[in-house]
Each structure stands twice: as C-alpha cells, then as structure tokens.
C-alpha cells in the first residue's frame, strides 16, 4: 500500500504528492482514532449481548445454585408446614381438649404481618419473588412456633393444675374398713333418730367402733379442728381448694390442727359418738362451693365397680340416720 497520497494537477497534466500540514495530520489521526473506538465499542457491545463475560458466567452459575438451594429449602418448609399442621391438630383437639381449654382460633394462628412492607429490601432482583415467598414462609412458621410454644406452656400449666386438682378432691373412703355392712345411712332425706321426723341428711353415716381411724380423703388444709356446739360434736373440716371441703363429725379424737397441710390417706382422727349422735359412727360430708353433695359420688379411687354399685344401693335406702 502506498505511504503517500497524490492528486492530479489538470494544468500540468501530472500527479503531485499531497503534503499534509502538522495540524491536518493531527485531525486525520483523531478521526482514525474515533473510528477505531466506535468500531471497538460496537464490537464489545455485540459481544456483551451475545456472549457472557467470565464474571457474568460465574454470577449465573451462582444464581443457578442459589435458586436450586431455595427450591430445596421450600420443599423442606412444606414438610415443616405439614408437621406444624399435625401439631396444631393434636394441640387443639387432644391436648387442650383433655385439660378443658378452648382451641386456639385459626385466625390467630394464621395471622400475617401488618404495617410496612417487611420485604421491600428484597425487591428488584431477578429472583425477588422466590426469595420473598421463602422469607414469608419462614416468618410465618416462626410465628406459628411462637404461638405453639405459648400454647404448650398453657397446657403444661393446666396439667400441673389438674395434677393438684386430682390429688385434692375427695376420692376415697374416710375409713380403711370397706365392709359395706357398716354403711348405715346415706345422703338425702332420712328419719332423724331423735326427732323422728324426715330431715335432710347432708352426708353419710359409716358405723365403726370407737377409736377406728379416720383418714383424709384428699390433699388440703385443715380449716376447722375442734368441738362444735350443736349436733356435730368433735369435727374436722378440710379445705381441699377448687371449691371442695370435707367434714368429719362425731369424732372421738382429733389428731390434726387448724392450718395443718395434709395428704390424702393421712390419719386425722378417730371414730366416736360426740355431739348429737346415737351410736359410734362417722358422719362424713362433701361440700362443693358450700353446697353439700352425695359423698358416694367421690369414692372413685377406693371401690371396685361392683362395690360402688352396692354403695349406691345401700345409700339410697330410706332408713334412720345416726345423727
């Protein structure tokens, strides 16, 4: 390629070498440089459109791996949600039902998160929707776990209270001897032994020799222990809590003091015939919320089903009470 350029001179009819000034040379150089730059830019743009750079390739690989990990995480979250549903079902319809608690409202368990957009910082990316949905599932599970934890704390407290309850309510016979021939008079209207008139008998009479041991029928605290003017003579009243009290009357001796904590089956006194009584026996009452109830309904821990049926039969007979 020729290094010089020529121009035709019509007057001389010959070609002459074109000599550029320094300024023209600079302008020419700049034009060439600009053209090369434009061509290079177009080439690089085409490369960037149709081909990935090493950095972009690495980023795409990482994004693909992250998406796979998020998809695996979502599958695990689905299994966790299924497990949580099973836990909620047992909690509402087994555990809480057993202890008399209302099921937790589904609206409270499934409540979302109000207020500002908690996931705004996750928007604007290629996989924003996937990341946001995963974050929502995690947050919801965390909230449900918190609700479930509080529910189990309540169930545990109810269980502990029930344990105290079942240990406290009257549930055995106050006399160790379960011989049903000694069941003298039941609960209800009976003939009074002194006045010979029909009168409400607020407990049961259990005949036994003087000095026969009398036991507390449930855990509690001794509220009254001493001689009471009137019909009961020497008596003990045990406050079991939960609205329950038991009365042990006509005692020969009292072996506990007021304010003393006692356990079910603990010896508290002996059978006698003090007060308005016609023979040695124990008058035993169960009171719930200051209303007397039939004590035989609270023998559940002490008799076989057959014995319990016999007690019900004997206690229902219209006979004369001992007090």
C-alpha atoms as a PDB file:
ATOM      1  CA  UNK A   1       0.000   0.000   0.000  1.00  0.00           C
ATOM      2  CA  UNK A   2       1.470   3.417  -0.905  1.00  0.00           C
ATOM      3  CA  UNK A   3       2.528   5.540   2.008  1.00  0.00           C
ATOM      4  CA  UNK A   4       1.843   8.823   0.143  1.00  0.00           C
ATOM      5  CA  UNK A   5      -1.313  10.184  -1.452  1.00  0.00           C
ATOM      6  CA  UNK A   6      -1.384  12.029  -4.782  1.00  0.00           C
ATOM      7  CA  UNK A   7      -3.658  14.492  -6.506  1.00  0.00           C
ATOM      8  CA  UNK A   8      -3.999  15.234 -10.284  1.00  0.00           C
ATOM      9  CA  UNK A   9      -2.973  18.669 -11.494  1.00  0.00           C
ATOM     10  CA  UNK A  10      -5.013  19.388 -14.697  1.00  0.00           C
ATOM     11  CA  UNK A  11      -2.823  22.290 -15.734  1.00  0.00           C
ATOM     12  CA  UNK A  12       0.350  20.291 -15.688  1.00  0.00           C
ATOM     13  CA  UNK A  13      -1.372  17.083 -16.526  1.00  0.00           C
ATOM     14  CA  UNK A  14       0.528  15.255 -13.825  1.00  0.00           C
ATOM     15  CA  UNK A  15       0.119  13.839 -10.274  1.00  0.00           C
ATOM     16  CA  UNK A  16       1.592  15.654  -7.340  1.00  0.00           C
ATOM     17  CA  UNK A  17       2.233  14.332  -3.840  1.00  0.00           C
ATOM     18  CA  UNK A  18      -0.195  15.643  -1.205  1.00  0.00           C
ATOM     19  CA  UNK A  19       1.782  17.103   1.654  1.00  0.00           C
ATOM     20  CA  UNK A  20      -0.258  17.465   4.952  1.00  0.00           C
ATOM     21  CA  UNK A  21       0.428  20.142   7.454  1.00  0.00           C
ATOM     22  CA  UNK A  22       1.040  19.134  11.108  1.00  0.00           C
ATOM     23  CA  UNK A  23      -2.483  20.259  12.016  1.00  0.00           C
ATOM     24  CA  UNK A  24      -4.035  18.233   9.261  1.00  0.00           C
ATOM     25  CA  UNK A  25      -2.071  15.215  10.400  1.00  0.00           C
ATOM     26  CA  UNK A  26      -3.440  15.576  13.921  1.00  0.00           C
ATOM     27  CA  UNK A  27      -7.006  15.907  12.681  1.00  0.00           C
ATOM     28  CA  UNK A  28      -6.572  12.855  10.483  1.00  0.00           C
ATOM     29  CA  UNK A  29      -5.168  10.871  13.379  1.00  0.00           C
ATOM     30  CA  UNK A  30      -8.054  11.841  15.629  1.00  0.00           C
ATOM     31  CA  UNK A  31     -10.599  10.850  13.026  1.00  0.00           C
ATOM     32  CA  UNK A  32      -8.986   7.482  12.637  1.00  0.00           C
ATOM     33  CA  UNK A  33      -8.834   7.038  16.399  1.00  0.00           C
ATOM     34  CA  UNK A  34     -12.526   7.921  16.739  1.00  0.00           C
ATOM     35  CA  UNK A  35     -13.488   5.490  14.013  1.00  0.00           C
ATOM     36  CA  UNK A  36     -11.478   2.716  15.645  1.00  0.00           C
ATOM     37  CA  UNK A  37     -13.078   3.488  19.034  1.00  0.00           C
ATOM     38  CA  UNK A  38     -16.569   3.401  17.586  1.00  0.00           C
ATOM     39  CA  UNK A  39     -15.902   0.109  15.848  1.00  0.00           C
ATOM     40  CA  UNK A  40     -14.407  -1.339  19.054  1.00  0.00           C
ATOM     41  CA  UNK A  41     -17.390  -0.166  21.110  1.00  0.00           C
ATOM     42  CA  UNK A  42     -19.815  -1.729  18.652  1.00  0.00           C
ATOM     43  CA  UNK A  43     -17.829  -4.943  18.745  1.00  0.00           C
ATOM     44  CA  UNK A  44     -17.743  -5.053  22.535  1.00  0.00           C
ATOM     45  CA  UNK A  45     -21.486  -4.284  22.720  1.00  0.00           C
ATOM     46  CA  UNK A  46     -22.181  -7.155  20.338  1.00  0.00           C
ATOM     47  CA  UNK A  47     -20.014  -9.426  22.480  1.00  0.00           C
ATOM     48  CA  UNK A  48     -21.822  -8.384  25.654  1.00  0.00           C
ATOM     49  CA  UNK A  49     -25.206  -9.040  24.035  1.00  0.00           C
ATOM     50  CA  UNK A  50     -24.469 -12.407  22.535  1.00  0.00           C
ATOM     51  CA  UNK A  51     -21.683 -13.670  24.814  1.00  0.00           C
ATOM     52  CA  UNK A  52     -21.207 -13.655  28.615  1.00  0.00           C
ATOM     53  CA  UNK A  53     -18.114 -12.372  30.281  1.00  0.00           C
ATOM     54  CA  UNK A  54     -16.285 -14.687  32.729  1.00  0.00           C
ATOM     55  CA  UNK A  55     -17.710 -12.661  35.609  1.00  0.00           C
ATOM     56  CA  UNK A  56     -21.243 -12.945  34.257  1.00  0.00           C
ATOM     57  CA  UNK A  57     -20.822 -16.650  33.694  1.00  0.00           C
ATOM     58  CA  UNK A  58     -19.687 -17.058  37.313  1.00  0.00           C
ATOM     59  CA  UNK A  59     -22.627 -14.981  38.553  1.00  0.00           C
ATOM     60  CA  UNK A  60     -25.091 -17.025  36.523  1.00  0.00           C
ATOM     61  CA  UNK A  61     -23.676 -20.244  37.948  1.00  0.00           C
ATOM     62  CA  UNK A  62     -24.006 -18.847  41.467  1.00  0.00           C
ATOM     63  CA  UNK A  63     -27.580 -17.689  40.787  1.00  0.00           C
ATOM     64  CA  UNK A  64     -28.477 -21.129  39.473  1.00  0.00           C
ATOM     65  CA  UNK A  65     -27.047 -22.755  42.591  1.00  0.00           C
ATOM     66  CA  UNK A  66     -28.906 -20.284  44.830  1.00  0.00           C
ATOM     67  CA  UNK A  67     -32.178 -20.968  43.037  1.00  0.00           C
ATOM     68  CA  UNK A  68     -31.676 -24.712  43.493  1.00  0.00           C
ATOM     69  CA  UNK A  69     -30.960 -24.182  47.184  1.00  0.00           C
ATOM     70  CA  UNK A  70     -34.078 -22.020  47.576  1.00  0.00           C
ATOM     71  CA  UNK A  71     -36.185 -24.670  45.868  1.00  0.00           C
ATOM     72  CA  UNK A  72     -34.816 -27.323  48.235  1.00  0.00           C
ATOM     73  CA  UNK A  73     -35.451 -25.004  51.166  1.00  0.00           C
ATOM     74  CA  UNK A  74     -39.054 -24.518  50.029  1.00  0.00           C
ATOM     75  CA  UNK A  75     -39.565 -28.281  49.906  1.00  0.00           C
ATOM     76  CA  UNK A  76     -38.263 -28.567  53.474  1.00  0.00           C
ATOM     77  CA  UNK A  77     -40.530 -25.700  54.517  1.00  0.00           C
ATOM     78  CA  UNK A  78     -43.512 -27.524  53.031  1.00  0.00           C
ATOM     79  CA  UNK A  79     -42.700 -30.594  55.152  1.00  0.00           C
ATOM     80  CA  UNK A  80     -42.327 -28.356  58.194  1.00  0.00           C
ATOM     81  CA  UNK A  81     -45.699 -26.748  57.468  1.00  0.00           C
ATOM     82  CA  UNK A  82     -47.293 -30.195  57.259  1.00  0.00           C
ATOM     83  CA  UNK A  83     -45.712 -31.175  60.584  1.00  0.00           C
ATOM     84  CA  UNK A  84     -46.887 -27.915  62.138  1.00  0.00           C
ATOM     85  CA  UNK A  85     -50.445 -28.587  60.924  1.00  0.00           C
ATOM     86  CA  UNK A  86     -50.342 -32.006  62.611  1.00  0.00           C
ATOM     87  CA  UNK A  87     -49.032 -30.449  65.839  1.00  0.00           C
ATOM     88  CA  UNK A  88     -51.793 -27.813  65.762  1.00  0.00           C
ATOM     89  CA  UNK A  89     -54.420 -30.501  65.194  1.00  0.00           C
ATOM     90  CA  UNK A  90     -53.234 -32.520  68.199  1.00  0.00           C
ATOM     91  CA  UNK A  91     -52.889 -29.433  70.345  1.00  0.00           C
ATOM     92  CA  UNK A  92     -56.414 -28.161  69.634  1.00  0.00           C
ATOM     93  CA  UNK A  93     -58.308 -31.461  69.591  1.00  0.00           C
ATOM     94  CA  UNK A  94     -56.377 -33.631  72.046  1.00  0.00           C
ATOM     95  CA  UNK A  95     -54.123 -31.805  74.499  1.00  0.00           C
ATOM     96  CA  UNK A  96     -56.230 -28.682  75.044  1.00  0.00           C
ATOM     97  CA  UNK A  97     -59.458 -30.703  74.984  1.00  0.00           C
ATOM     98  CA  UNK A  98     -58.192 -33.057  77.707  1.00  0.00           C
ATOM     99  CA  UNK A  99     -57.499 -30.135  80.042  1.00  0.00           C
ATOM    100  CA  UNK A 100     -60.661 -28.211  79.228  1.00  0.00           C
ATOM    101  CA  UNK A 101     -59.048 -25.375  77.271  1.00  0.00           C
ATOM    102  CA  UNK A 102     -60.584 -23.802  74.179  1.00  0.00           C
ATOM    103  CA  UNK A 103     -58.791 -24.412  70.860  1.00  0.00           C
ATOM    104  CA  UNK A 104     -56.665 -21.511  69.626  1.00  0.00           C
ATOM    105  CA  UNK A 105     -58.565 -19.590  66.897  1.00  0.00           C
ATOM    106  CA  UNK A 106     -57.206 -20.354  63.430  1.00  0.00           C
ATOM    107  CA  UNK A 107     -57.287 -16.635  62.644  1.00  0.00           C
ATOM    108  CA  UNK A 108     -54.761 -16.062  65.424  1.00  0.00           C
ATOM    109  CA  UNK A 109     -52.528 -18.941  64.339  1.00  0.00           C
ATOM    110  CA  UNK A 110     -52.541 -17.827  60.684  1.00  0.00           C
ATOM    111  CA  UNK A 111     -52.370 -14.067  61.281  1.00  0.00           C
ATOM    112  CA  UNK A 112     -49.989 -12.299  58.927  1.00  0.00           C
ATOM    113  CA  UNK A 113     -47.728  -9.329  59.463  1.00  0.00           C
ATOM    114  CA  UNK A 114     -49.327  -5.924  59.049  1.00  0.00           C
ATOM    115  CA  UNK A 115     -47.794  -2.485  58.676  1.00  0.00           C
ATOM    116  CA  UNK A 116     -44.880  -1.616  56.428  1.00  0.00           C
ATOM    117  CA  UNK A 117     -43.583  -3.871  53.695  1.00  0.00           C
ATOM    118  CA  UNK A 118     -41.217  -6.184  55.563  1.00  0.00           C
ATOM    119  CA  UNK A 119     -39.649  -7.440  52.348  1.00  0.00           C
ATOM    120  CA  UNK A 120     -39.012  -4.197  50.464  1.00  0.00           C
ATOM    121  CA  UNK A 121     -35.247  -4.682  50.585  1.00  0.00           C
ATOM    122  CA  UNK A 122     -35.663  -7.998  48.729  1.00  0.00           C
ATOM    123  CA  UNK A 123     -37.441  -6.451  45.745  1.00  0.00           C
ATOM    124  CA  UNK A 124     -35.842  -5.528  42.415  1.00  0.00           C
ATOM    125  CA  UNK A 125     -33.765  -8.675  41.837  1.00  0.00           C
ATOM    126  CA  UNK A 126     -34.108 -11.452  39.291  1.00  0.00           C
ATOM    127  CA  UNK A 127     -35.262 -13.967  41.906  1.00  0.00           C
ATOM    128  CA  UNK A 128     -37.026 -11.496  44.215  1.00  0.00           C
ATOM    129  CA  UNK A 129     -40.362 -13.337  44.155  1.00  0.00           C
ATOM    130  CA  UNK A 130     -38.786 -16.657  45.127  1.00  0.00           C
ATOM    131  CA  UNK A 131     -36.754 -15.084  47.929  1.00  0.00           C
ATOM    132  CA  UNK A 132     -39.736 -13.098  49.238  1.00  0.00           C
ATOM    133  CA  UNK A 133     -42.058 -16.131  49.255  1.00  0.00           C
ATOM    134  CA  UNK A 134     -39.437 -18.196  51.082  1.00  0.00           C
ATOM    135  CA  UNK A 135     -38.926 -15.420  53.632  1.00  0.00           C
ATOM    136  CA  UNK A 136     -42.679 -15.192  54.210  1.00  0.00           C
ATOM    137  CA  UNK A 137     -42.923 -18.941  54.853  1.00  0.00           C
ATOM    138  CA  UNK A 138     -40.047 -18.820  57.336  1.00  0.00           C
ATOM    139  CA  UNK A 139     -41.557 -15.839  59.167  1.00  0.00           C
ATOM    140  CA  UNK A 140     -44.975 -17.498  59.309  1.00  0.00           C
ATOM    141  CA  UNK A 141     -43.502 -20.728  60.674  1.00  0.00           C
ATOM    142  CA  UNK A 142     -41.590 -18.778  63.304  1.00  0.00           C
ATOM    143  CA  UNK A 143     -44.789 -17.031  64.372  1.00  0.00           C
ATOM    144  CA  UNK A 144     -46.699 -20.312  64.497  1.00  0.00           C
ATOM    145  CA  UNK A 145     -43.904 -21.863  66.544  1.00  0.00           C
ATOM    146  CA  UNK A 146     -44.149 -18.963  68.981  1.00  0.00           C
ATOM    147  CA  UNK A 147     -47.937 -19.431  69.262  1.00  0.00           C
ATOM    148  CA  UNK A 148     -47.479 -23.187  69.723  1.00  0.00           C
ATOM    149  CA  UNK A 149     -44.824 -22.715  72.388  1.00  0.00           C
ATOM    150  CA  UNK A 150     -47.155 -20.438  74.370  1.00  0.00           C
ATOM    151  CA  UNK A 151     -49.969 -22.961  73.934  1.00  0.00           C
ATOM    152  CA  UNK A 152     -47.809 -25.785  75.296  1.00  0.00           C
ATOM    153  CA  UNK A 153     -46.803 -23.597  78.243  1.00  0.00           C
ATOM    154  CA  UNK A 154     -50.508 -23.155  78.964  1.00  0.00           C
ATOM    155  CA  UNK A 155     -51.175 -26.886  78.573  1.00  0.00           C
ATOM    156  CA  UNK A 156     -48.304 -27.711  80.944  1.00  0.00           C
ATOM    157  CA  UNK A 157     -49.699 -25.256  83.498  1.00  0.00           C
ATOM    158  CA  UNK A 158     -53.155 -26.819  83.104  1.00  0.00           C
ATOM    159  CA  UNK A 159     -51.669 -30.300  83.508  1.00  0.00           C
ATOM    160  CA  UNK A 160     -49.885 -29.267  86.689  1.00  0.00           C
ATOM    161  CA  UNK A 161     -53.093 -27.712  87.974  1.00  0.00           C
ATOM    162  CA  UNK A 162     -55.028 -30.857  87.074  1.00  0.00           C
ATOM    163  CA  UNK A 163     -52.461 -32.942  88.942  1.00  0.00           C
ATOM    164  CA  UNK A 164     -53.047 -30.813  92.025  1.00  0.00           C
ATOM    165  CA  UNK A 165     -56.805 -30.976  91.396  1.00  0.00           C
ATOM    166  CA  UNK A 166     -56.988 -34.758  91.196  1.00  0.00           C
ATOM    167  CA  UNK A 167     -54.823 -35.101  94.300  1.00  0.00           C
ATOM    168  CA  UNK A 168     -57.035 -32.644  96.196  1.00  0.00           C
ATOM    169  CA  UNK A 169     -60.616 -33.607  95.507  1.00  0.00           C
ATOM    170  CA  UNK A 170     -62.213 -36.221  97.807  1.00  0.00           C
ATOM    171  CA  UNK A 171     -61.752 -39.625  96.162  1.00  0.00           C
ATOM    172  CA  UNK A 172     -61.529 -42.373  98.827  1.00  0.00           C
ATOM    173  CA  UNK A 173     -63.455 -43.677 101.796  1.00  0.00           C
ATOM    174  CA  UNK A 174     -62.579 -41.939 105.088  1.00  0.00           C
ATOM    175  CA  UNK A 175     -62.469 -45.343 106.834  1.00  0.00           C
ATOM    176  CA  UNK A 176     -59.994 -48.067 105.921  1.00  0.00           C
ATOM    177  CA  UNK A 177     -62.534 -50.851 106.503  1.00  0.00           C
ATOM    178  CA  UNK A 178     -64.626 -51.059 103.300  1.00  0.00           C
ATOM    179  CA  UNK A 179     -67.146 -53.523 104.828  1.00  0.00           C
ATOM    180  CA  UNK A 180     -70.400 -52.287 103.294  1.00  0.00           C
ATOM    181  CA  UNK A 181     -72.487 -53.563 106.236  1.00  0.00           C
ATOM    182  CA  UNK A 182     -71.120 -50.577 108.107  1.00  0.00           C
ATOM    183  CA  UNK A 183     -72.699 -48.152 105.640  1.00  0.00           C
ATOM    184  CA  UNK A 184     -75.553 -47.151 107.956  1.00  0.00           C
ATOM    185  CA  UNK A 185     -77.248 -44.176 106.345  1.00  0.00           C
ATOM    186  CA  UNK A 186     -76.932 -42.392 103.037  1.00  0.00           C
ATOM    187  CA  UNK A 187     -77.295 -38.882 101.675  1.00  0.00           C
ATOM    188  CA  UNK A 188     -80.769 -37.371 101.348  1.00  0.00           C
ATOM    189  CA  UNK A 189     -83.945 -37.202 103.380  1.00  0.00           C
ATOM    190  CA  UNK A 190     -83.837 -39.642 106.299  1.00  0.00           C
ATOM    191  CA  UNK A 191     -85.691 -40.201 109.570  1.00  0.00           C
ATOM    192  CA  UNK A 192     -83.925 -38.261 112.334  1.00  0.00           C
ATOM    193  CA  UNK A 193     -83.073 -40.640 115.236  1.00  0.00           C
ATOM    194  CA  UNK A 194     -84.062 -38.168 117.961  1.00  0.00           C
ATOM    195  CA  UNK A 195     -86.840 -36.065 116.442  1.00  0.00           C
ATOM    196  CA  UNK A 196     -88.358 -38.999 114.484  1.00  0.00           C
ATOM    197  CA  UNK A 197     -89.127 -36.694 111.567  1.00  0.00           C
ATOM    198  CA  UNK A 198     -87.969 -36.697 107.979  1.00  0.00           C
ATOM    199  CA  UNK A 199     -84.978 -34.400 107.683  1.00  0.00           C
ATOM    200  CA  UNK A 200     -82.292 -33.735 105.100  1.00  0.00           C
ATOM    201  CA  UNK A 201     -79.212 -35.797 105.888  1.00  0.00           C
ATOM    202  CA  UNK A 202     -76.317 -33.829 104.397  1.00  0.00           C
ATOM    203  CA  UNK A 203     -73.725 -36.619 104.493  1.00  0.00           C
ATOM    204  CA  UNK A 204     -73.348 -40.351 105.022  1.00  0.00           C
ATOM    205  CA  UNK A 205     -73.061 -42.299 108.283  1.00  0.00           C
ATOM    206  CA  UNK A 206     -70.405 -45.015 108.487  1.00  0.00           C
ATOM    207  CA  UNK A 207     -70.693 -47.162 111.637  1.00  0.00           C
ATOM    208  CA  UNK A 208     -67.464 -48.303 113.248  1.00  0.00           C
ATOM    209  CA  UNK A 209     -66.161 -48.998 116.765  1.00  0.00           C
ATOM    210  CA  UNK A 210     -64.961 -46.071 118.834  1.00  0.00           C
ATOM    211  CA  UNK A 211     -61.314 -45.386 118.046  1.00  0.00           C
ATOM    212  CA  UNK A 212     -61.465 -46.575 114.406  1.00  0.00           C
ATOM    213  CA  UNK A 213     -59.017 -44.499 112.381  1.00  0.00           C
ATOM    214  CA  UNK A 214     -60.365 -41.753 110.106  1.00  0.00           C
ATOM    215  CA  UNK A 215     -58.388 -40.637 107.054  1.00  0.00           C
ATOM    216  CA  UNK A 216     -58.415 -37.503 104.902  1.00  0.00           C
ATOM    217  CA  UNK A 217     -59.980 -38.210 101.530  1.00  0.00           C
ATOM    218  CA  UNK A 218     -57.891 -35.671  99.589  1.00  0.00           C
ATOM    219  CA  UNK A 219     -54.995 -33.248  99.915  1.00  0.00           C
ATOM    220  CA  UNK A 220     -55.811 -29.984 101.612  1.00  0.00           C
ATOM    221  CA  UNK A 221     -55.566 -27.784 104.677  1.00  0.00           C
ATOM    222  CA  UNK A 222     -57.374 -28.229 107.987  1.00  0.00           C
ATOM    223  CA  UNK A 223     -59.865 -25.353 108.250  1.00  0.00           C
ATOM    224  CA  UNK A 224     -61.652 -26.443 111.451  1.00  0.00           C
ATOM    225  CA  UNK A 225     -60.468 -28.866 114.142  1.00  0.00           C
ATOM    226  CA  UNK A 226     -62.277 -28.919 117.469  1.00  0.00           C
ATOM    227  CA  UNK A 227     -65.552 -29.306 119.320  1.00  0.00           C
ATOM    228  CA  UNK A 228     -68.523 -27.580 117.720  1.00  0.00           C
ATOM    229  CA  UNK A 229     -71.574 -26.758 119.849  1.00  0.00           C
ATOM    230  CA  UNK A 230     -74.599 -28.464 118.372  1.00  0.00           C
ATOM    231  CA  UNK A 231     -75.022 -31.700 116.553  1.00  0.00           C
ATOM    232  CA  UNK A 232     -71.573 -32.405 115.069  1.00  0.00           C
ATOM    233  CA  UNK A 233     -69.598 -32.684 118.306  1.00  0.00           C
ATOM    234  CA  UNK A 234     -65.878 -33.035 117.631  1.00  0.00           C
ATOM    235  CA  UNK A 235     -65.357 -32.392 113.937  1.00  0.00           C
ATOM    236  CA  UNK A 236     -62.736 -31.659 111.334  1.00  0.00           C
ATOM    237  CA  UNK A 237     -63.270 -29.627 108.171  1.00  0.00           C
ATOM    238  CA  UNK A 238     -60.645 -29.928 105.435  1.00  0.00           C
ATOM    239  CA  UNK A 239     -60.442 -27.297 102.706  1.00  0.00           C
ATOM    240  CA  UNK A 240     -59.221 -29.043  99.542  1.00  0.00           C
ATOM    241  CA  UNK A 241     -59.274 -25.988  97.284  1.00  0.00           C
ATOM    242  CA  UNK A 242     -61.122 -25.822  93.958  1.00  0.00           C
ATOM    243  CA  UNK A 243     -64.329 -25.206  95.948  1.00  0.00           C
ATOM    244  CA  UNK A 244     -64.207 -28.584  97.786  1.00  0.00           C
ATOM    245  CA  UNK A 245     -64.439 -29.182 101.545  1.00  0.00           C
ATOM    246  CA  UNK A 246     -64.995 -32.360 103.556  1.00  0.00           C
ATOM    247  CA  UNK A 247     -66.497 -32.717 107.050  1.00  0.00           C
ATOM    248  CA  UNK A 248     -65.670 -35.499 109.554  1.00  0.00           C
ATOM    249  CA  UNK A 249     -68.048 -35.323 112.555  1.00  0.00           C
ATOM    250  CA  UNK A 250     -68.826 -37.025 115.919  1.00  0.00           C
ATOM    251  CA  UNK A 251     -65.120 -37.858 116.341  1.00  0.00           C
ATOM    252  CA  UNK A 252     -63.699 -39.353 119.493  1.00  0.00           C
ATOM    253  CA  UNK A 253     -60.288 -37.726 118.974  1.00  0.00           C
ATOM    254  CA  UNK A 254     -58.786 -35.102 116.646  1.00  0.00           C
ATOM    255  CA  UNK A 255     -55.197 -35.673 115.547  1.00  0.00           C
ATOM    256  CA  UNK A 256     -54.600 -32.550 113.425  1.00  0.00           C
ATOM    257  CA  UNK A 257     -54.524 -28.811 113.987  1.00  0.00           C
ATOM    258  CA  UNK A 258     -56.128 -25.925 112.147  1.00  0.00           C
ATOM    259  CA  UNK A 259     -53.900 -24.663 109.328  1.00  0.00           C
ATOM    260  CA  UNK A 260     -52.099 -28.008 109.004  1.00  0.00           C
ATOM    261  CA  UNK A 261     -51.372 -29.272 105.469  1.00  0.00           C
ATOM    262  CA  UNK A 262     -52.467 -32.871 104.977  1.00  0.00           C
ATOM    263  CA  UNK A 263     -52.319 -35.507 102.245  1.00  0.00           C
ATOM    264  CA  UNK A 264     -54.942 -37.956 101.004  1.00  0.00           C
ATOM    265  CA  UNK A 265     -54.931 -41.055 103.218  1.00  0.00           C
ATOM    266  CA  UNK A 266     -53.342 -39.241 106.169  1.00  0.00           C
ATOM    267  CA  UNK A 267     -54.694 -40.133 109.649  1.00  0.00           C
ATOM    268  CA  UNK A 268     -56.654 -37.158 111.035  1.00  0.00           C
ATOM    269  CA  UNK A 269     -58.842 -38.551 113.840  1.00  0.00           C
ATOM    270  CA  UNK A 270     -60.806 -41.477 115.251  1.00  0.00           C
ATOM    271  CA  UNK A 271     -64.462 -42.516 115.211  1.00  0.00           C
ATOM    272  CA  UNK A 272     -66.590 -41.544 118.193  1.00  0.00           C
ATOM    273  CA  UNK A 273     -70.104 -40.546 119.209  1.00  0.00           C
ATOM    274  CA  UNK A 274     -69.741 -36.938 120.332  1.00  0.00           C
ATOM    275  CA  UNK A 275     -72.421 -34.314 119.760  1.00  0.00           C
ATOM    276  CA  UNK A 276     -75.937 -35.319 118.726  1.00  0.00           C
ATOM    277  CA  UNK A 277     -75.224 -38.978 117.983  1.00  0.00           C
ATOM    278  CA  UNK A 278     -76.976 -42.218 118.961  1.00  0.00           C
ATOM    279  CA  UNK A 279     -74.044 -44.627 118.413  1.00  0.00           C
ATOM    280  CA  UNK A 280     -70.351 -44.596 117.412  1.00  0.00           C
ATOM    281  CA  UNK A 281     -70.110 -43.660 113.751  1.00  0.00           C
ATOM    282  CA  UNK A 282     -68.510 -41.198 111.355  1.00  0.00           C
ATOM    283  CA  UNK A 283     -70.700 -38.573 109.751  1.00  0.00           C
ATOM    284  CA  UNK A 284     -68.922 -37.648 106.507  1.00  0.00           C
ATOM    285  CA  UNK A 285     -69.847 -34.777 104.176  1.00  0.00           C
ATOM    286  CA  UNK A 286     -68.577 -33.462 100.855  1.00  0.00           C
ATOM    287  CA  UNK A 287     -69.235 -29.810 100.061  1.00  0.00           C
ATOM    288  CA  UNK A 288     -68.670 -28.140  96.722  1.00  0.00           C
ATOM    289  CA  UNK A 289     -68.940 -24.374  96.596  1.00  0.00           C
ATOM    290  CA  UNK A 290     -70.586 -24.551 100.039  1.00  0.00           C
ATOM    291  CA  UNK A 291     -73.319 -26.903  98.774  1.00  0.00           C
ATOM    292  CA  UNK A 292     -73.433 -30.478 100.102  1.00  0.00           C
ATOM    293  CA  UNK A 293     -73.195 -33.331  97.598  1.00  0.00           C
ATOM    294  CA  UNK A 294     -73.600 -37.070  97.869  1.00  0.00           C
ATOM    295  CA  UNK A 295     -70.219 -38.357  99.154  1.00  0.00           C
ATOM    296  CA  UNK A 296     -70.597 -41.719  97.413  1.00  0.00           C
ATOM    297  CA  UNK A 297     -70.045 -39.884  94.136  1.00  0.00           C
ATOM    298  CA  UNK A 298     -66.484 -39.261  95.327  1.00  0.00           C
ATOM    299  CA  UNK A 299     -65.451 -42.845  96.060  1.00  0.00           C
ATOM    300  CA  UNK A 300     -63.953 -43.324  92.583  1.00  0.00           C
ATOM    301  CA  UNK A 301     -60.432 -44.209  93.761  1.00  0.00           C
ATOM    302  CA  UNK A 302     -61.407 -46.602  96.516  1.00  0.00           C
ATOM    303  CA  UNK A 303     -64.009 -49.088  95.314  1.00  0.00           C
ATOM    304  CA  UNK A 304     -64.406 -51.611  92.528  1.00  0.00           C
ATOM    305  CA  UNK A 305     -67.354 -51.007  90.148  1.00  0.00           C
ATOM    306  CA  UNK A 306     -69.304 -53.777  91.891  1.00  0.00           C
ATOM    307  CA  UNK A 307     -68.657 -52.307  95.349  1.00  0.00           C
ATOM    308  CA  UNK A 308     -69.569 -48.843  94.095  1.00  0.00           C
ATOM    309  CA  UNK A 309     -72.914 -50.115  92.759  1.00  0.00           C
ATOM    310  CA  UNK A 310     -73.611 -51.717  96.131  1.00  0.00           C
ATOM    311  CA  UNK A 311     -72.756 -48.476  97.940  1.00  0.00           C
ATOM    312  CA  UNK A 312     -75.208 -46.603  95.724  1.00  0.00           C
ATOM    313  CA  UNK A 313     -77.885 -49.169  96.517  1.00  0.00           C
ATOM    314  CA  UNK A 314     -77.324 -49.019 100.288  1.00  0.00           C
ATOM    315  CA  UNK A 315     -77.068 -45.244 100.377  1.00  0.00           C
ATOM    316  CA  UNK A 316     -80.374 -44.818  98.566  1.00  0.00           C
ATOM    317  CA  UNK A 317     -82.413 -46.746 101.146  1.00  0.00           C
ATOM    318  CA  UNK A 318     -84.847 -44.723 103.246  1.00  0.00           C
ATOM    319  CA  UNK A 319     -83.724 -45.543 106.790  1.00  0.00           C
ATOM    320  CA  UNK A 320     -82.872 -43.791 110.032  1.00  0.00           C
ATOM    321  CA  UNK A 321     -79.694 -41.771 110.317  1.00  0.00           C
ATOM    322  CA  UNK A 322     -77.380 -41.910 113.362  1.00  0.00           C
ATOM    323  CA  UNK A 323     -77.338 -38.140 113.880  1.00  0.00           C
END
